[in-house]
Amino acid sequence: VHLVESGGGLVQAGGSLRLSCAASGTITIPYTMGWYRQAPGKERELVATISSTYIINYGDSIKGRAAISRDGTLNTVSLDVNSLKPEDTAVYYCNYLAYYPVRDYWGQGTQVTVSS
């Protein structure tokens, strides 16, 4: 599975952004796709995920400010984040997790920088 990320960049605090991830290759169901982020000097953390059955999970740091959605036909996942804060600055990684068999794929990452 190949993941292509788009979006990100430099955003002012209080602004919003959209990240998108397109998966290609052999997509097996069930699966979970979503976003994780890693800030300098910190561990990678969950942002949001959505399963092939539309079960959604948000990380505590983004809860209430983000909305994840997916297009099953296009195998894409989008993440809308608003009220951005400088602490949201990180590299955001798209993830695809298949269950049968277990396969874990990561995108190359896209930088999000929130200026104060």
Protein backbone atom coordinates (compact mmCIF):
# COMPACT_ATOMS: atom_id res chain seq x y z
CA VAL A 1 0.00 0.00 0.00
CA HIS A 2 1.31 3.42 -0.96
CA LEU A 3 0.16 6.53 0.92
CA VAL A 4 0.30 10.01 -0.58
CA GLU A 5 -0.25 12.94 1.77
CA SER A 6 -1.24 16.47 0.89
CA GLY A 7 -1.96 19.63 2.81
CA GLY A 8 -0.03 21.07 5.71
CA GLY A 9 2.31 24.02 5.59
CA LEU A 10 2.49 27.21 7.60
CA VAL A 11 -0.68 28.36 9.35
CA GLN A 12 -1.34 31.16 11.82
CA ALA A 13 -2.63 30.33 15.27
CA GLY A 14 -6.40 30.20 15.29
CA GLY A 15 -6.49 29.17 11.67
CA SER A 16 -7.49 25.89 10.11
CA LEU A 17 -6.12 23.37 7.69
CA ARG A 18 -7.00 20.19 5.84
CA LEU A 19 -4.77 17.19 5.45
CA SER A 20 -5.59 14.47 2.94
CA CYS A 21 -4.16 11.03 2.39
CA ALA A 22 -4.76 8.78 -0.60
CA ALA A 23 -4.05 5.07 -0.40
CA SER A 24 -3.27 2.97 -3.44
CA GLY A 25 -2.39 -0.64 -3.90
CA THR A 26 -4.06 -3.68 -2.38
CA ILE A 27 -6.63 -2.34 0.07
CA THR A 28 -8.07 -5.03 2.32
CA ILE A 29 -11.13 -4.73 4.51
CA PRO A 30 -11.32 -4.21 7.43
CA TYR A 31 -8.78 -1.46 7.88
CA THR A 32 -8.14 1.73 9.80
CA MET A 33 -6.66 4.88 8.30
CA GLY A 34 -5.74 8.07 9.98
CA TRP A 35 -3.19 10.55 11.17
CA TYR A 36 -0.47 10.62 13.78
CA ARG A 37 1.93 13.43 14.53
CA GLN A 38 5.38 13.84 15.97
CA ALA A 39 6.78 17.07 17.32
CA PRO A 40 10.53 17.57 17.84
CA GLY A 41 11.73 15.73 20.90
CA LYS A 42 8.38 14.03 21.46
CA GLU A 43 6.92 10.63 20.72
CA ARG A 44 4.55 10.03 17.86
CA GLU A 45 0.96 10.48 19.02
CA LEU A 46 -2.50 9.75 17.73
CA VAL A 47 -4.35 12.57 16.00
CA ALA A 48 -7.36 10.78 14.54
CA THR A 49 -8.29 7.52 12.88
CA ILE A 50 -11.31 6.18 11.02
CA SER A 51 -12.03 2.57 10.24
CA SER A 52 -13.59 0.97 7.19
CA THR A 53 -16.77 0.74 9.28
CA TYR A 54 -16.58 4.45 10.16
CA ILE A 55 -15.48 4.00 13.75
CA ILE A 56 -13.64 7.22 14.65
CA ASN A 57 -11.06 7.85 17.33
CA TYR A 58 -9.49 11.21 18.24
CA GLY A 59 -6.41 11.96 20.27
CA ASP A 60 -6.98 13.97 23.42
CA SER A 61 -4.89 16.90 22.20
CA ILE A 62 -7.03 17.44 19.10
CA LYS A 63 -10.45 16.35 20.33
CA GLY A 64 -13.13 18.95 19.69
CA ARG A 65 -11.03 20.77 17.09
CA ALA A 66 -10.79 18.16 14.38
CA ALA A 67 -12.98 16.14 12.06
CA ILE A 68 -11.82 13.09 10.14
CA SER A 69 -13.66 11.68 7.16
CA ARG A 70 -13.06 9.11 4.49
CA ASP A 71 -14.09 8.35 0.95
CA GLY A 72 -14.23 4.60 0.62
CA THR A 73 -14.46 4.70 -3.15
CA LEU A 74 -11.31 6.74 -3.51
CA ASN A 75 -9.56 5.25 -0.46
CA THR A 76 -8.82 8.70 0.85
CA VAL A 77 -8.94 10.12 4.34
CA SER A 78 -9.19 13.81 5.15
CA LEU A 79 -8.56 15.60 8.41
CA ASP A 80 -9.89 19.10 9.09
CA VAL A 81 -8.41 20.88 12.06
CA ASN A 82 -9.50 24.30 13.33
CA SER A 83 -8.44 26.62 16.14
CA LEU A 84 -4.84 25.65 15.51
CA LYS A 85 -2.31 26.26 18.27
CA PRO A 86 1.48 26.55 18.13
CA GLU A 87 1.64 23.23 19.99
CA ASP A 88 0.00 21.58 16.99
CA THR A 89 3.27 22.12 15.14
CA ALA A 90 4.56 18.70 14.12
CA VAL A 91 5.15 16.34 11.26
CA TYR A 92 1.85 14.66 10.49
CA TYR A 93 1.95 11.09 9.21
CA CYS A 94 -0.77 9.17 7.42
CA ASN A 95 -1.23 5.59 8.53
CA TYR A 96 -2.98 2.58 7.01
CA LEU A 97 -3.49 -0.47 9.19
CA ALA A 98 -4.86 -3.70 7.73
CA TYR A 99 -5.98 -6.52 9.99
CA TYR A 100 -6.09 -9.68 7.89
CA PRO A 101 -3.18 -10.09 7.71
CA VAL A 102 -1.82 -7.35 9.93
CA ARG A 103 0.01 -4.76 7.80
CA ASP A 104 1.04 -1.30 8.92
CA TYR A 105 1.96 1.42 6.41
CA TRP A 106 3.10 5.01 6.88
CA GLY A 107 3.25 8.01 4.63
CA GLN A 108 6.39 10.11 4.36
CA GLY A 109 4.94 12.83 6.58
CA THR A 110 3.91 16.42 6.00
CA GLN A 111 5.07 19.36 8.10
CA VAL A 112 2.50 21.53 9.83
CA THR A 113 3.81 24.71 11.44
CA VAL A 114 1.51 26.94 13.46
CA SER A 115 2.86 30.42 14.06
CA SER A 116 1.81 32.47 17.07
